[in-house]
């Protein structure tokens, strides 16, 4: 299955505790908790472009599976990381956070980010 497509956030779990743990201000968390972000995935072989739009905030990451690249976090910080693929799962570890993005069926992407004992889960449906 290909990740390519446009997806909208359908539901999320542990948004507020996770955002606090990564250092976002309470005001920013409150503004962002009800916004339905839209994610656009472009997959061409091992090359990916992911654009996530949340309100007026746009985050773009371009990467090649298995190669180190600069990635942007939800806080806007940039870091070097390597995205790996195992079947329909993309995994990357960044600043103590393990991010797993899984294409669970042709129309659903589940992104799970784990920081310590906080597991933040986002379910996105193809639109």
PDB file of N, CA and C in Angstrom:
ATOM      1  N   UNK A   1       0.839  -1.187   0.000  1.00  0.00           N
ATOM      2  CA  UNK A   1       0.000   0.000   0.000  1.00  0.00           C
ATOM      3  C   UNK A   1       0.882   1.247   0.000  1.00  0.00           C
ATOM      4  N   UNK A   2       0.392   2.272  -0.639  1.00  0.00           N
ATOM      5  CA  UNK A   2       1.111   3.532  -0.710  1.00  0.00           C
ATOM      6  C   UNK A   2       0.540   4.517   0.311  1.00  0.00           C
ATOM      7  N   UNK A   3       1.437   5.268   0.925  1.00  0.00           N
ATOM      8  CA  UNK A   3       1.019   6.318   1.858  1.00  0.00           C
ATOM      9  C   UNK A   3       0.429   7.514   1.116  1.00  0.00           C
ATOM     10  N   UNK A   4       0.738   7.668  -0.172  1.00  0.00           N
ATOM     11  CA  UNK A   4       0.344   8.861  -0.921  1.00  0.00           C
ATOM     12  C   UNK A   4      -1.136   9.165  -0.763  1.00  0.00           C
ATOM     13  N   UNK A   5      -1.426  10.440  -0.469  1.00  0.00           N
ATOM     14  CA  UNK A   5      -2.804  10.865  -0.335  1.00  0.00           C
ATOM     15  C   UNK A   5      -2.937  11.983   0.683  1.00  0.00           C
ATOM     16  N   UNK A   6      -4.168  12.437   0.859  1.00  0.00           N
ATOM     17  CA  UNK A   6      -4.481  13.501   1.803  1.00  0.00           C
ATOM     18  C   UNK A   6      -5.356  12.916   2.904  1.00  0.00           C
ATOM     19  N   UNK A   7      -4.989  13.202   4.145  1.00  0.00           N
ATOM     20  CA  UNK A   7      -5.663  12.638   5.311  1.00  0.00           C
ATOM     21  C   UNK A   7      -6.024  13.756   6.276  1.00  0.00           C
ATOM     22  N   UNK A   8      -7.159  13.586   6.959  1.00  0.00           N
ATOM     23  CA  UNK A   8      -7.569  14.566   7.973  1.00  0.00           C
ATOM     24  C   UNK A   8      -7.627  13.877   9.327  1.00  0.00           C
ATOM     25  N   UNK A   9      -7.194  14.608  10.358  1.00  0.00           N
ATOM     26  CA  UNK A   9      -7.235  14.087  11.716  1.00  0.00           C
ATOM     27  C   UNK A   9      -8.676  13.758  12.086  1.00  0.00           C
ATOM     28  N   UNK A  10      -8.896  12.524  12.542  1.00  0.00           N
ATOM     29  CA  UNK A  10     -10.232  12.107  12.965  1.00  0.00           C
ATOM     30  C   UNK A  10     -10.349  12.107  14.485  1.00  0.00           C
ATOM     31  N   UNK A  11      -9.315  11.588  15.157  1.00  0.00           N
ATOM     32  CA  UNK A  11      -9.333  11.568  16.623  1.00  0.00           C
ATOM     33  C   UNK A  11      -7.903  11.490  17.140  1.00  0.00           C
ATOM     34  N   UNK A  12      -7.749  11.823  18.433  1.00  0.00           N
ATOM     35  CA  UNK A  12      -6.429  11.743  19.063  1.00  0.00           C
ATOM     36  C   UNK A  12      -6.586  11.452  20.540  1.00  0.00           C
ATOM     37  N   UNK A  13      -5.550  10.810  21.093  1.00  0.00           N
ATOM     38  CA  UNK A  13      -5.534  10.447  22.510  1.00  0.00           C
ATOM     39  C   UNK A  13      -4.283  11.025  23.153  1.00  0.00           C
ATOM     40  N   UNK A  14      -4.419  11.543  24.367  1.00  0.00           N
ATOM     41  CA  UNK A  14      -3.304  12.070  25.169  1.00  0.00           C
ATOM     42  C   UNK A  14      -2.627  13.289  24.544  1.00  0.00           C
ATOM     43  N   UNK A  15      -3.415  14.110  23.831  1.00  0.00           N
ATOM     44  CA  UNK A  15      -2.860  15.309  23.195  1.00  0.00           C
ATOM     45  C   UNK A  15      -2.252  16.259  24.223  1.00  0.00           C
ATOM     46  N   UNK A  16      -3.055  16.647  25.235  1.00  0.00           N
ATOM     47  CA  UNK A  16      -2.579  17.649  26.195  1.00  0.00           C
ATOM     48  C   UNK A  16      -1.371  17.183  26.998  1.00  0.00           C
ATOM     49  N   UNK A  17      -1.365  15.966  27.587  1.00  0.00           N
ATOM     50  CA  UNK A  17      -0.177  15.551  28.346  1.00  0.00           C
ATOM     51  C   UNK A  17       1.084  15.494  27.482  1.00  0.00           C
ATOM     52  N   UNK A  18       0.938  15.039  26.231  1.00  0.00           N
ATOM     53  CA  UNK A  18       2.099  14.937  25.351  1.00  0.00           C
ATOM     54  C   UNK A  18       2.636  16.326  25.004  1.00  0.00           C
ATOM     55  N   UNK A  19       1.738  17.238  24.640  1.00  0.00           N
ATOM     56  CA  UNK A  19       2.168  18.589  24.266  1.00  0.00           C
ATOM     57  C   UNK A  19       2.836  19.309  25.439  1.00  0.00           C
ATOM     58  N   UNK A  20       2.323  19.087  26.652  1.00  0.00           N
ATOM     59  CA  UNK A  20       2.975  19.668  27.838  1.00  0.00           C
ATOM     60  C   UNK A  20       4.372  19.084  28.008  1.00  0.00           C
ATOM     61  N   UNK A  21       4.484  17.767  27.795  1.00  0.00           N
ATOM     62  CA  UNK A  21       5.774  17.083  27.976  1.00  0.00           C
ATOM     63  C   UNK A  21       6.828  17.565  26.983  1.00  0.00           C
ATOM     64  N   UNK A  22       6.404  17.975  25.773  1.00  0.00           N
ATOM     65  CA  UNK A  22       7.396  18.463  24.800  1.00  0.00           C
ATOM     66  C   UNK A  22       7.629  19.963  24.913  1.00  0.00           C
ATOM     67  N   UNK A  23       6.912  20.613  25.854  1.00  0.00           N
ATOM     68  CA  UNK A  23       7.227  21.995  26.167  1.00  0.00           C
ATOM     69  C   UNK A  23       6.351  23.062  25.540  1.00  0.00           C
ATOM     70  N   UNK A  24       5.196  22.682  24.987  1.00  0.00           N
ATOM     71  CA  UNK A  24       4.310  23.719  24.439  1.00  0.00           C
ATOM     72  C   UNK A  24       3.573  24.434  25.564  1.00  0.00           C
ATOM     73  N   UNK A  25       3.332  25.720  25.373  1.00  0.00           N
ATOM     74  CA  UNK A  25       2.625  26.531  26.364  1.00  0.00           C
ATOM     75  C   UNK A  25       1.153  26.118  26.425  1.00  0.00           C
ATOM     76  N   UNK A  26       0.549  26.249  27.613  1.00  0.00           N
ATOM     77  CA  UNK A  26      -0.859  25.882  27.806  1.00  0.00           C
ATOM     78  C   UNK A  26      -1.770  26.589  26.802  1.00  0.00           C
ATOM     79  N   UNK A  27      -1.499  27.874  26.536  1.00  0.00           N
ATOM     80  CA  UNK A  27      -2.326  28.638  25.601  1.00  0.00           C
ATOM     81  C   UNK A  27      -2.269  28.019  24.198  1.00  0.00           C
ATOM     82  N   UNK A  28      -1.074  27.626  23.768  1.00  0.00           N
ATOM     83  CA  UNK A  28      -0.897  26.995  22.457  1.00  0.00           C
ATOM     84  C   UNK A  28      -1.612  25.652  22.411  1.00  0.00           C
ATOM     85  N   UNK A  29      -1.523  24.892  23.484  1.00  0.00           N
ATOM     86  CA  UNK A  29      -2.184  23.588  23.564  1.00  0.00           C
ATOM     87  C   UNK A  29      -3.696  23.753  23.444  1.00  0.00           C
ATOM     88  N   UNK A  30      -4.261  24.706  24.169  1.00  0.00           N
ATOM     89  CA  UNK A  30      -5.706  24.926  24.131  1.00  0.00           C
ATOM     90  C   UNK A  30      -6.172  25.331  22.732  1.00  0.00           C
ATOM     91  N   UNK A  31      -5.375  26.181  22.066  1.00  0.00           N
ATOM     92  CA  UNK A  31      -5.733  26.609  20.709  1.00  0.00           C
ATOM     93  C   UNK A  31      -5.693  25.437  19.734  1.00  0.00           C
ATOM     94  N   UNK A  32      -4.739  24.539  19.921  1.00  0.00           N
ATOM     95  CA  UNK A  32      -4.520  23.473  18.946  1.00  0.00           C
ATOM     96  C   UNK A  32      -5.302  22.200  19.152  1.00  0.00           C
ATOM     97  N   UNK A  33      -5.888  22.015  20.336  1.00  0.00           N
ATOM     98  CA  UNK A  33      -6.475  20.706  20.635  1.00  0.00           C
ATOM     99  C   UNK A  33      -7.692  20.342  19.801  1.00  0.00           C
ATOM    100  N   UNK A  34      -8.424  21.325  19.294  1.00  0.00           N
ATOM    101  CA  UNK A  34      -9.633  21.024  18.519  1.00  0.00           C
ATOM    102  C   UNK A  34      -9.470  21.251  17.016  1.00  0.00           C
ATOM    103  N   UNK A  35      -8.255  21.597  16.588  1.00  0.00           N
ATOM    104  CA  UNK A  35      -8.020  21.829  15.162  1.00  0.00           C
ATOM    105  C   UNK A  35      -7.798  20.484  14.471  1.00  0.00           C
ATOM    106  N   UNK A  36      -8.505  20.266  13.381  1.00  0.00           N
ATOM    107  CA  UNK A  36      -8.369  19.031  12.602  1.00  0.00           C
ATOM    108  C   UNK A  36      -7.283  19.239  11.555  1.00  0.00           C
ATOM    109  N   UNK A  37      -6.077  18.770  11.860  1.00  0.00           N
ATOM    110  CA  UNK A  37      -4.967  18.944  10.932  1.00  0.00           C
ATOM    111  C   UNK A  37      -5.188  18.107   9.669  1.00  0.00           C
ATOM    112  N   UNK A  38      -4.554  18.549   8.584  1.00  0.00           N
ATOM    113  CA  UNK A  38      -4.601  17.840   7.311  1.00  0.00           C
ATOM    114  C   UNK A  38      -3.164  17.471   6.943  1.00  0.00           C
ATOM    115  N   UNK A  39      -2.953  16.196   6.615  1.00  0.00           N
ATOM    116  CA  UNK A  39      -1.633  15.697   6.244  1.00  0.00           C
ATOM    117  C   UNK A  39      -1.652  15.236   4.793  1.00  0.00           C
ATOM    118  N   UNK A  40      -0.649  15.671   4.031  1.00  0.00           N
ATOM    119  CA  UNK A  40      -0.514  15.241   2.641  1.00  0.00           C
ATOM    120  C   UNK A  40       0.784  14.447   2.530  1.00  0.00           C
ATOM    121  N   UNK A  41       0.659  13.189   2.108  1.00  0.00           N
ATOM    122  CA  UNK A  41       1.804  12.306   1.921  1.00  0.00           C
ATOM    123  C   UNK A  41       2.055  12.129   0.433  1.00  0.00           C
ATOM    124  N   UNK A  42       3.304  12.324   0.007  1.00  0.00           N
ATOM    125  CA  UNK A  42       3.720  12.018  -1.357  1.00  0.00           C
ATOM    126  C   UNK A  42       4.816  10.971  -1.239  1.00  0.00           C
ATOM    127  N   UNK A  43       4.578   9.806  -1.817  1.00  0.00           N
ATOM    128  CA  UNK A  43       5.537   8.700  -1.760  1.00  0.00           C
ATOM    129  C   UNK A  43       5.962   8.360  -3.178  1.00  0.00           C
ATOM    130  N   UNK A  44       7.281   8.362  -3.404  1.00  0.00           N
ATOM    131  CA  UNK A  44       7.826   7.998  -4.706  1.00  0.00           C
ATOM    132  C   UNK A  44       9.013   7.078  -4.447  1.00  0.00           C
ATOM    133  N   UNK A  45       8.748   5.767  -4.432  1.00  0.00           N
ATOM    134  CA  UNK A  45       9.792   4.811  -4.060  1.00  0.00           C
ATOM    135  C   UNK A  45      10.149   5.006  -2.601  1.00  0.00           C
ATOM    136  N   UNK A  46      11.434   5.264  -2.316  1.00  0.00           N
ATOM    137  CA  UNK A  46      11.883   5.497  -0.945  1.00  0.00           C
ATOM    138  C   UNK A  46      11.871   6.975  -0.570  1.00  0.00           C
ATOM    139  N   UNK A  47      11.410   7.834  -1.467  1.00  0.00           N
ATOM    140  CA  UNK A  47      11.397   9.275  -1.225  1.00  0.00           C
ATOM    141  C   UNK A  47      10.004   9.718  -0.785  1.00  0.00           C
ATOM    142  N   UNK A  48       9.975  10.512   0.280  1.00  0.00           N
ATOM    143  CA  UNK A  48       8.715  10.978   0.846  1.00  0.00           C
ATOM    144  C   UNK A  48       8.734  12.486   1.027  1.00  0.00           C
ATOM    145  N   UNK A  49       7.558  13.068   0.893  1.00  0.00           N
ATOM    146  CA  UNK A  49       7.328  14.460   1.290  1.00  0.00           C
ATOM    147  C   UNK A  49       6.039  14.431   2.101  1.00  0.00           C
ATOM    148  N   UNK A  50       6.099  14.966   3.330  1.00  0.00           N
ATOM    149  CA  UNK A  50       4.938  14.998   4.208  1.00  0.00           C
ATOM    150  C   UNK A  50       4.705  16.452   4.617  1.00  0.00           C
ATOM    151  N   UNK A  51       3.496  16.951   4.319  1.00  0.00           N
ATOM    152  CA  UNK A  51       3.127  18.316   4.678  1.00  0.00           C
ATOM    153  C   UNK A  51       1.935  18.228   5.622  1.00  0.00           C
ATOM    154  N   UNK A  52       2.106  18.745   6.843  1.00  0.00           N
ATOM    155  CA  UNK A  52       1.030  18.725   7.836  1.00  0.00           C
ATOM    156  C   UNK A  52       0.623  20.163   8.119  1.00  0.00           C
ATOM    157  N   UNK A  53      -0.660  20.456   7.881  1.00  0.00           N
ATOM    158  CA  UNK A  53      -1.188  21.793   8.100  1.00  0.00           C
ATOM    159  C   UNK A  53      -2.138  21.754   9.289  1.00  0.00           C
ATOM    160  N   UNK A  54      -1.817  22.522  10.318  1.00  0.00           N
ATOM    161  CA  UNK A  54      -2.648  22.630  11.515  1.00  0.00           C
ATOM    162  C   UNK A  54      -2.966  24.102  11.709  1.00  0.00           C
ATOM    163  N   UNK A  55      -4.189  24.489  11.352  1.00  0.00           N
ATOM    164  CA  UNK A  55      -4.531  25.910  11.397  1.00  0.00           C
ATOM    165  C   UNK A  55      -3.633  26.663  10.436  1.00  0.00           C
ATOM    166  N   UNK A  56      -2.901  27.667  10.937  1.00  0.00           N
ATOM    167  CA  UNK A  56      -1.998  28.441  10.081  1.00  0.00           C
ATOM    168  C   UNK A  56      -0.571  27.873  10.103  1.00  0.00           C
ATOM    169  N   UNK A  57      -0.334  26.838  10.891  1.00  0.00           N
ATOM    170  CA  UNK A  57       0.994  26.244  11.007  1.00  0.00           C
ATOM    171  C   UNK A  57       1.171  25.152   9.954  1.00  0.00           C
ATOM    172  N   UNK A  58       2.222  25.259   9.139  1.00  0.00           N
ATOM    173  CA  UNK A  58       2.513  24.260   8.111  1.00  0.00           C
ATOM    174  C   UNK A  58       3.900  23.681   8.385  1.00  0.00           C
ATOM    175  N   UNK A  59       3.972  22.357   8.498  1.00  0.00           N
ATOM    176  CA  UNK A  59       5.236  21.663   8.752  1.00  0.00           C
ATOM    177  C   UNK A  59       5.502  20.738   7.569  1.00  0.00           C
ATOM    178  N   UNK A  60       6.659  20.878   6.943  1.00  0.00           N
ATOM    179  CA  UNK A  60       7.017  20.061   5.789  1.00  0.00           C
ATOM    180  C   UNK A  60       8.287  19.276   6.098  1.00  0.00           C
ATOM    181  N   UNK A  61       8.232  17.972   5.865  1.00  0.00           N
ATOM    182  CA  UNK A  61       9.416  17.123   6.002  1.00  0.00           C
ATOM    183  C   UNK A  61       9.596  16.321   4.717  1.00  0.00           C
ATOM    184  N   UNK A  62      10.817  16.355   4.181  1.00  0.00           N
ATOM    185  CA  UNK A  62      11.175  15.603   2.988  1.00  0.00           C
ATOM    186  C   UNK A  62      12.299  14.658   3.396  1.00  0.00           C
ATOM    187  N   UNK A  63      12.134  13.366   3.078  1.00  0.00           N
ATOM    188  CA  UNK A  63      13.144  12.405   3.499  1.00  0.00           C
ATOM    189  C   UNK A  63      13.187  11.211   2.563  1.00  0.00           C
ATOM    190  N   UNK A  64      14.311  10.498   2.643  1.00  0.00           N
ATOM    191  CA  UNK A  64      14.501   9.248   1.928  1.00  0.00           C
ATOM    192  C   UNK A  64      14.701   8.160   2.975  1.00  0.00           C
ATOM    193  N   UNK A  65      13.964   7.066   2.837  1.00  0.00           N
ATOM    194  CA  UNK A  65      14.042   5.958   3.790  1.00  0.00           C
ATOM    195  C   UNK A  65      15.499   5.536   3.970  1.00  0.00           C
ATOM    196  N   UNK A  66      15.923   5.424   5.242  1.00  0.00           N
ATOM    197  CA  UNK A  66      17.254   4.928   5.567  1.00  0.00           C
ATOM    198  C   UNK A  66      18.376   5.939   5.474  1.00  0.00           C
ATOM    199  N   UNK A  67      18.083   7.179   5.072  1.00  0.00           N
ATOM    200  CA  UNK A  67      19.122   8.201   4.952  1.00  0.00           C
ATOM    201  C   UNK A  67      18.896   9.311   5.966  1.00  0.00           C
ATOM    202  N   UNK A  68      19.994   9.770   6.573  1.00  0.00           N
ATOM    203  CA  UNK A  68      19.875  10.862   7.536  1.00  0.00           C
ATOM    204  C   UNK A  68      19.415  12.136   6.831  1.00  0.00           C
ATOM    205  N   UNK A  69      18.512  12.833   7.489  1.00  0.00           N
ATOM    206  CA  UNK A  69      17.972  14.074   6.933  1.00  0.00           C
ATOM    207  C   UNK A  69      17.598  15.008   8.067  1.00  0.00           C
ATOM    208  N   UNK A  70      17.339  16.266   7.736  1.00  0.00           N
ATOM    209  CA  UNK A  70      16.877  17.213   8.743  1.00  0.00           C
ATOM    210  C   UNK A  70      15.356  17.167   8.778  1.00  0.00           C
ATOM    211  N   UNK A  71      14.804  16.959   9.957  1.00  0.00           N
ATOM    212  CA  UNK A  71      13.364  16.878  10.148  1.00  0.00           C
ATOM    213  C   UNK A  71      12.917  17.945  11.136  1.00  0.00           C
ATOM    214  N   UNK A  72      11.678  18.400  10.972  1.00  0.00           N
ATOM    215  CA  UNK A  72      11.120  19.410  11.865  1.00  0.00           C
ATOM    216  C   UNK A  72      10.144  18.745  12.826  1.00  0.00           C
ATOM    217  N   UNK A  73      10.216  19.130  14.102  1.00  0.00           N
ATOM    218  CA  UNK A  73       9.306  18.592  15.102  1.00  0.00           C
ATOM    219  C   UNK A  73       8.066  19.461  15.210  1.00  0.00           C
ATOM    220  N   UNK A  74       7.106  19.019  16.017  1.00  0.00           N
ATOM    221  CA  UNK A  74       5.868  19.776  16.212  1.00  0.00           C
ATOM    222  C   UNK A  74       6.114  21.106  16.915  1.00  0.00           C
ATOM    223  N   UNK A  75       7.242  21.235  17.606  1.00  0.00           N
ATOM    224  CA  UNK A  75       7.558  22.498  18.269  1.00  0.00           C
ATOM    225  C   UNK A  75       8.292  23.456  17.330  1.00  0.00           C
ATOM    226  N   UNK A  76       8.583  23.006  16.107  1.00  0.00           N
ATOM    227  CA  UNK A  76       9.283  23.835  15.141  1.00  0.00           C
ATOM    228  C   UNK A  76      10.781  23.625  15.131  1.00  0.00           C
ATOM    229  N   UNK A  77      11.292  22.854  16.103  1.00  0.00           N
ATOM    230  CA  UNK A  77      12.725  22.575  16.154  1.00  0.00           C
ATOM    231  C   UNK A  77      13.112  21.651  15.003  1.00  0.00           C
ATOM    232  N   UNK A  78      14.377  21.751  14.585  1.00  0.00           N
ATOM    233  CA  UNK A  78      14.885  20.870  13.535  1.00  0.00           C
ATOM    234  C   UNK A  78      15.977  19.991  14.124  1.00  0.00           C
ATOM    235  N   UNK A  79      16.049  18.766  13.636  1.00  0.00           N
ATOM    236  CA  UNK A  79      17.052  17.828  14.119  1.00  0.00           C
ATOM    237  C   UNK A  79      17.379  16.853  13.001  1.00  0.00           C
ATOM    238  N   UNK A  80      18.486  16.151  13.159  1.00  0.00           N
ATOM    239  CA  UNK A  80      18.886  15.129  12.188  1.00  0.00           C
ATOM    240  C   UNK A  80      18.300  13.796  12.632  1.00  0.00           C
ATOM    241  N   UNK A  81      17.731  13.074  11.674  1.00  0.00           N
ATOM    242  CA  UNK A  81      17.146  11.779  11.998  1.00  0.00           C
ATOM    243  C   UNK A  81      17.110  10.891  10.769  1.00  0.00           C
ATOM    244  N   UNK A  82      16.843   9.606  11.006  1.00  0.00           N
ATOM    245  CA  UNK A  82      16.733   8.623   9.937  1.00  0.00           C
ATOM    246  C   UNK A  82      15.364   7.960  10.049  1.00  0.00           C
ATOM    247  N   UNK A  83      14.580   8.066   8.976  1.00  0.00           N
ATOM    248  CA  UNK A  83      13.279   7.411   8.931  1.00  0.00           C
ATOM    249  C   UNK A  83      13.482   6.031   8.319  1.00  0.00           C
ATOM    250  N   UNK A  84      12.979   5.013   9.010  1.00  0.00           N
ATOM    251  CA  UNK A  84      13.061   3.643   8.513  1.00  0.00           C
ATOM    252  C   UNK A  84      11.670   3.139   8.174  1.00  0.00           C
ATOM    253  N   UNK A  85      11.618   2.150   7.299  1.00  0.00           N
ATOM    254  CA  UNK A  85      10.330   1.577   6.906  1.00  0.00           C
ATOM    255  C   UNK A  85      10.353   0.074   7.119  1.00  0.00           C
ATOM    256  N   UNK A  86       9.291  -0.404   7.748  1.00  0.00           N
ATOM    257  CA  UNK A  86       9.082  -1.838   7.914  1.00  0.00           C
ATOM    258  C   UNK A  86       7.662  -2.110   7.429  1.00  0.00           C
ATOM    259  N   UNK A  87       7.514  -2.592   6.207  1.00  0.00           N
ATOM    260  CA  UNK A  87       6.183  -2.830   5.657  1.00  0.00           C
ATOM    261  C   UNK A  87       5.415  -1.535   5.534  1.00  0.00           C
ATOM    262  N   UNK A  88       4.294  -1.439   6.239  1.00  0.00           N
ATOM    263  CA  UNK A  88       3.449  -0.240   6.188  1.00  0.00           C
ATOM    264  C   UNK A  88       3.698   0.686   7.372  1.00  0.00           C
ATOM    265  N   UNK A  89       4.881   0.600   7.991  1.00  0.00           N
ATOM    266  CA  UNK A  89       5.219   1.449   9.134  1.00  0.00           C
ATOM    267  C   UNK A  89       6.460   2.278   8.834  1.00  0.00           C
ATOM    268  N   UNK A  90       6.368   3.571   9.169  1.00  0.00           N
ATOM    269  CA  UNK A  90       7.523   4.469   9.124  1.00  0.00           C
ATOM    270  C   UNK A  90       7.895   4.776  10.564  1.00  0.00           C
ATOM    271  N   UNK A  91       9.170   4.607  10.914  1.00  0.00           N
ATOM    272  CA  UNK A  91       9.600   4.870  12.287  1.00  0.00           C
ATOM    273  C   UNK A  91      10.787   5.830  12.291  1.00  0.00           C
ATOM    274  N   UNK A  92      10.787   6.685  13.316  1.00  0.00           N
ATOM    275  CA  UNK A  92      11.910   7.588  13.511  1.00  0.00           C
ATOM    276  C   UNK A  92      11.978   7.921  14.998  1.00  0.00           C
ATOM    277  N   UNK A  93      13.210   8.047  15.494  1.00  0.00           N
ATOM    278  CA  UNK A  93      13.411   8.441  16.881  1.00  0.00           C
ATOM    279  C   UNK A  93      13.984   9.852  16.869  1.00  0.00           C
ATOM    280  N   UNK A  94      13.337  10.751  17.644  1.00  0.00           N
ATOM    281  CA  UNK A  94      13.788  12.142  17.660  1.00  0.00           C
ATOM    282  C   UNK A  94      13.694  12.712  19.058  1.00  0.00           C
ATOM    283  N   UNK A  95      14.821  13.126  19.580  1.00  0.00           N
ATOM    284  CA  UNK A  95      14.864  13.786  20.882  1.00  0.00           C
ATOM    285  C   UNK A  95      14.108  13.006  21.959  1.00  0.00           C
ATOM    286  N   UNK A  96      14.324  11.694  22.014  1.00  0.00           N
ATOM    287  CA  UNK A  96      13.688  10.877  23.037  1.00  0.00           C
ATOM    288  C   UNK A  96      12.263  10.461  22.713  1.00  0.00           C
ATOM    289  N   UNK A  97      11.761  10.854  21.552  1.00  0.00           N
ATOM    290  CA  UNK A  97      10.402  10.495  21.134  1.00  0.00           C
ATOM    291  C   UNK A  97      10.494   9.456  20.024  1.00  0.00           C
ATOM    292  N   UNK A  98       9.786   8.347  20.192  1.00  0.00           N
ATOM    293  CA  UNK A  98       9.683   7.361  19.128  1.00  0.00           C
ATOM    294  C   UNK A  98       8.392   7.634  18.384  1.00  0.00           C
ATOM    295  N   UNK A  99       8.484   7.893  17.088  1.00  0.00           N
ATOM    296  CA  UNK A  99       7.318   8.155  16.254  1.00  0.00           C
ATOM    297  C   UNK A  99       7.134   6.994  15.292  1.00  0.00           C
ATOM    298  N   UNK A 100       5.924   6.411  15.299  1.00  0.00           N
ATOM    299  CA  UNK A 100       5.576   5.329  14.391  1.00  0.00           C
ATOM    300  C   UNK A 100       4.339   5.765  13.613  1.00  0.00           C
ATOM    301  N   UNK A 101       4.457   5.811  12.300  1.00  0.00           N
ATOM    302  CA  UNK A 101       3.341   6.166  11.426  1.00  0.00           C
ATOM    303  C   UNK A 101       2.990   4.926  10.633  1.00  0.00           C
ATOM    304  N   UNK A 102       1.762   4.432  10.827  1.00  0.00           N
ATOM    305  CA  UNK A 102       1.366   3.168  10.209  1.00  0.00           C
ATOM    306  C   UNK A 102       0.150   3.357   9.310  1.00  0.00           C
ATOM    307  N   UNK A 103       0.260   2.834   8.104  1.00  0.00           N
ATOM    308  CA  UNK A 103      -0.870   2.786   7.179  1.00  0.00           C
ATOM    309  C   UNK A 103      -1.608   1.489   7.500  1.00  0.00           C
ATOM    310  N   UNK A 104      -2.648   1.585   8.338  1.00  0.00           N
ATOM    311  CA  UNK A 104      -3.323   0.381   8.841  1.00  0.00           C
ATOM    312  C   UNK A 104      -4.289  -0.215   7.822  1.00  0.00           C
ATOM    313  N   UNK A 105      -4.808   0.617   6.920  1.00  0.00           N
ATOM    314  CA  UNK A 105      -5.604   0.142   5.795  1.00  0.00           C
ATOM    315  C   UNK A 105      -5.499   1.231   4.724  1.00  0.00           C
ATOM    316  N   UNK A 106      -6.038   1.022   3.509  1.00  0.00           N
ATOM    317  CA  UNK A 106      -5.834   2.015   2.446  1.00  0.00           C
ATOM    318  C   UNK A 106      -6.321   3.421   2.777  1.00  0.00           C
ATOM    319  N   UNK A 107      -7.168   3.582   3.797  1.00  0.00           N
ATOM    320  CA  UNK A 107      -7.743   4.895   4.106  1.00  0.00           C
ATOM    321  C   UNK A 107      -7.419   5.427   5.492  1.00  0.00           C
ATOM    322  N   UNK A 108      -6.558   4.737   6.249  1.00  0.00           N
ATOM    323  CA  UNK A 108      -6.308   5.141   7.633  1.00  0.00           C
ATOM    324  C   UNK A 108      -4.816   5.128   7.951  1.00  0.00           C
ATOM    325  N   UNK A 109      -4.350   6.260   8.472  1.00  0.00           N
ATOM    326  CA  UNK A 109      -2.977   6.347   8.986  1.00  0.00           C
ATOM    327  C   UNK A 109      -3.068   6.612  10.481  1.00  0.00           C
ATOM    328  N   UNK A 110      -2.342   5.810  11.258  1.00  0.00           N
ATOM    329  CA  UNK A 110      -2.270   6.002  12.702  1.00  0.00           C
ATOM    330  C   UNK A 110      -0.837   6.399  13.037  1.00  0.00           C
ATOM    331  N   UNK A 111      -0.698   7.549  13.701  1.00  0.00           N
ATOM    332  CA  UNK A 111       0.611   8.018  14.141  1.00  0.00           C
ATOM    333  C   UNK A 111       0.644   7.928  15.660  1.00  0.00           C
ATOM    334  N   UNK A 112       1.644   7.207  16.182  1.00  0.00           N
ATOM    335  CA  UNK A 112       1.810   7.050  17.618  1.00  0.00           C
ATOM    336  C   UNK A 112       3.173   7.606  18.004  1.00  0.00           C
ATOM    337  N   UNK A 113       3.182   8.543  18.960  1.00  0.00           N
ATOM    338  CA  UNK A 113       4.431   9.108  19.457  1.00  0.00           C
ATOM    339  C   UNK A 113       4.541   8.793  20.939  1.00  0.00           C
ATOM    340  N   UNK A 114       5.674   8.225  21.316  1.00  0.00           N
ATOM    341  CA  UNK A 114       5.885   7.807  22.699  1.00  0.00           C
ATOM    342  C   UNK A 114       7.043   8.588  23.292  1.00  0.00           C
ATOM    343  N   UNK A 115       6.783   9.221  24.426  1.00  0.00           N
ATOM    344  CA  UNK A 115       7.803   9.953  25.177  1.00  0.00           C
ATOM    345  C   UNK A 115       7.683   9.482  26.615  1.00  0.00           C
ATOM    346  N   UNK A 116       8.666   8.696  27.061  1.00  0.00           N
ATOM    347  CA  UNK A 116       8.586   8.116  28.407  1.00  0.00           C
ATOM    348  C   UNK A 116       7.361   7.231  28.505  1.00  0.00           C
ATOM    349  N   UNK A 117       6.460   7.537  29.458  1.00  0.00           N
ATOM    350  CA  UNK A 117       5.255   6.723  29.609  1.00  0.00           C
ATOM    351  C   UNK A 117       4.020   7.373  28.979  1.00  0.00           C
ATOM    352  N   UNK A 118       4.236   8.452  28.205  1.00  0.00           N
ATOM    353  CA  UNK A 118       3.112   9.127  27.530  1.00  0.00           C
ATOM    354  C   UNK A 118       3.044   8.640  26.089  1.00  0.00           C
ATOM    355  N   UNK A 119       1.876   8.120  25.715  1.00  0.00           N
ATOM    356  CA  UNK A 119       1.653   7.650  24.351  1.00  0.00           C
ATOM    357  C   UNK A 119       0.580   8.531  23.719  1.00  0.00           C
ATOM    358  N   UNK A 120       0.989   9.285  22.702  1.00  0.00           N
ATOM    359  CA  UNK A 120       0.107  10.195  21.980  1.00  0.00           C
ATOM    360  C   UNK A 120      -0.259   9.535  20.652  1.00  0.00           C
ATOM    361  N   UNK A 121      -1.547   9.348  20.431  1.00  0.00           N
ATOM    362  CA  UNK A 121      -2.010   8.630  19.251  1.00  0.00           C
ATOM    363  C   UNK A 121      -2.939   9.515  18.440  1.00  0.00           C
ATOM    364  N   UNK A 122      -2.692   9.552  17.116  1.00  0.00           N
ATOM    365  CA  UNK A 122      -3.524  10.328  16.193  1.00  0.00           C
ATOM    366  C   UNK A 122      -4.021   9.407  15.085  1.00  0.00           C
ATOM    367  N   UNK A 123      -5.327   9.433  14.832  1.00  0.00           N
ATOM    368  CA  UNK A 123      -5.915   8.629  13.774  1.00  0.00           C
ATOM    369  C   UNK A 123      -6.364   9.568  12.661  1.00  0.00           C
ATOM    370  N   UNK A 124      -5.856   9.338  11.447  1.00  0.00           N
ATOM    371  CA  UNK A 124      -6.134  10.182  10.294  1.00  0.00           C
ATOM    372  C   UNK A 124      -6.831   9.364   9.210  1.00  0.00           C
ATOM    373  N   UNK A 125      -7.873   9.937   8.616  1.00  0.00           N
ATOM    374  CA  UNK A 125      -8.623   9.257   7.547  1.00  0.00           C
ATOM    375  C   UNK A 125      -8.407   9.973   6.218  1.00  0.00           C
ATOM    376  N   UNK A 126      -8.328   9.176   5.156  1.00  0.00           N
ATOM    377  CA  UNK A 126      -8.149   9.723   3.816  1.00  0.00           C
ATOM    378  C   UNK A 126      -9.367  10.578   3.436  1.00  0.00           C
ATOM    379  N   UNK A 127      -9.102  11.732   2.821  1.00  0.00           N
ATOM    380  CA  UNK A 127     -10.204  12.584   2.365  1.00  0.00           C
ATOM    381  C   UNK A 127     -10.110  12.775   0.864  1.00  0.00           C
TER     382      UNK A 127
END
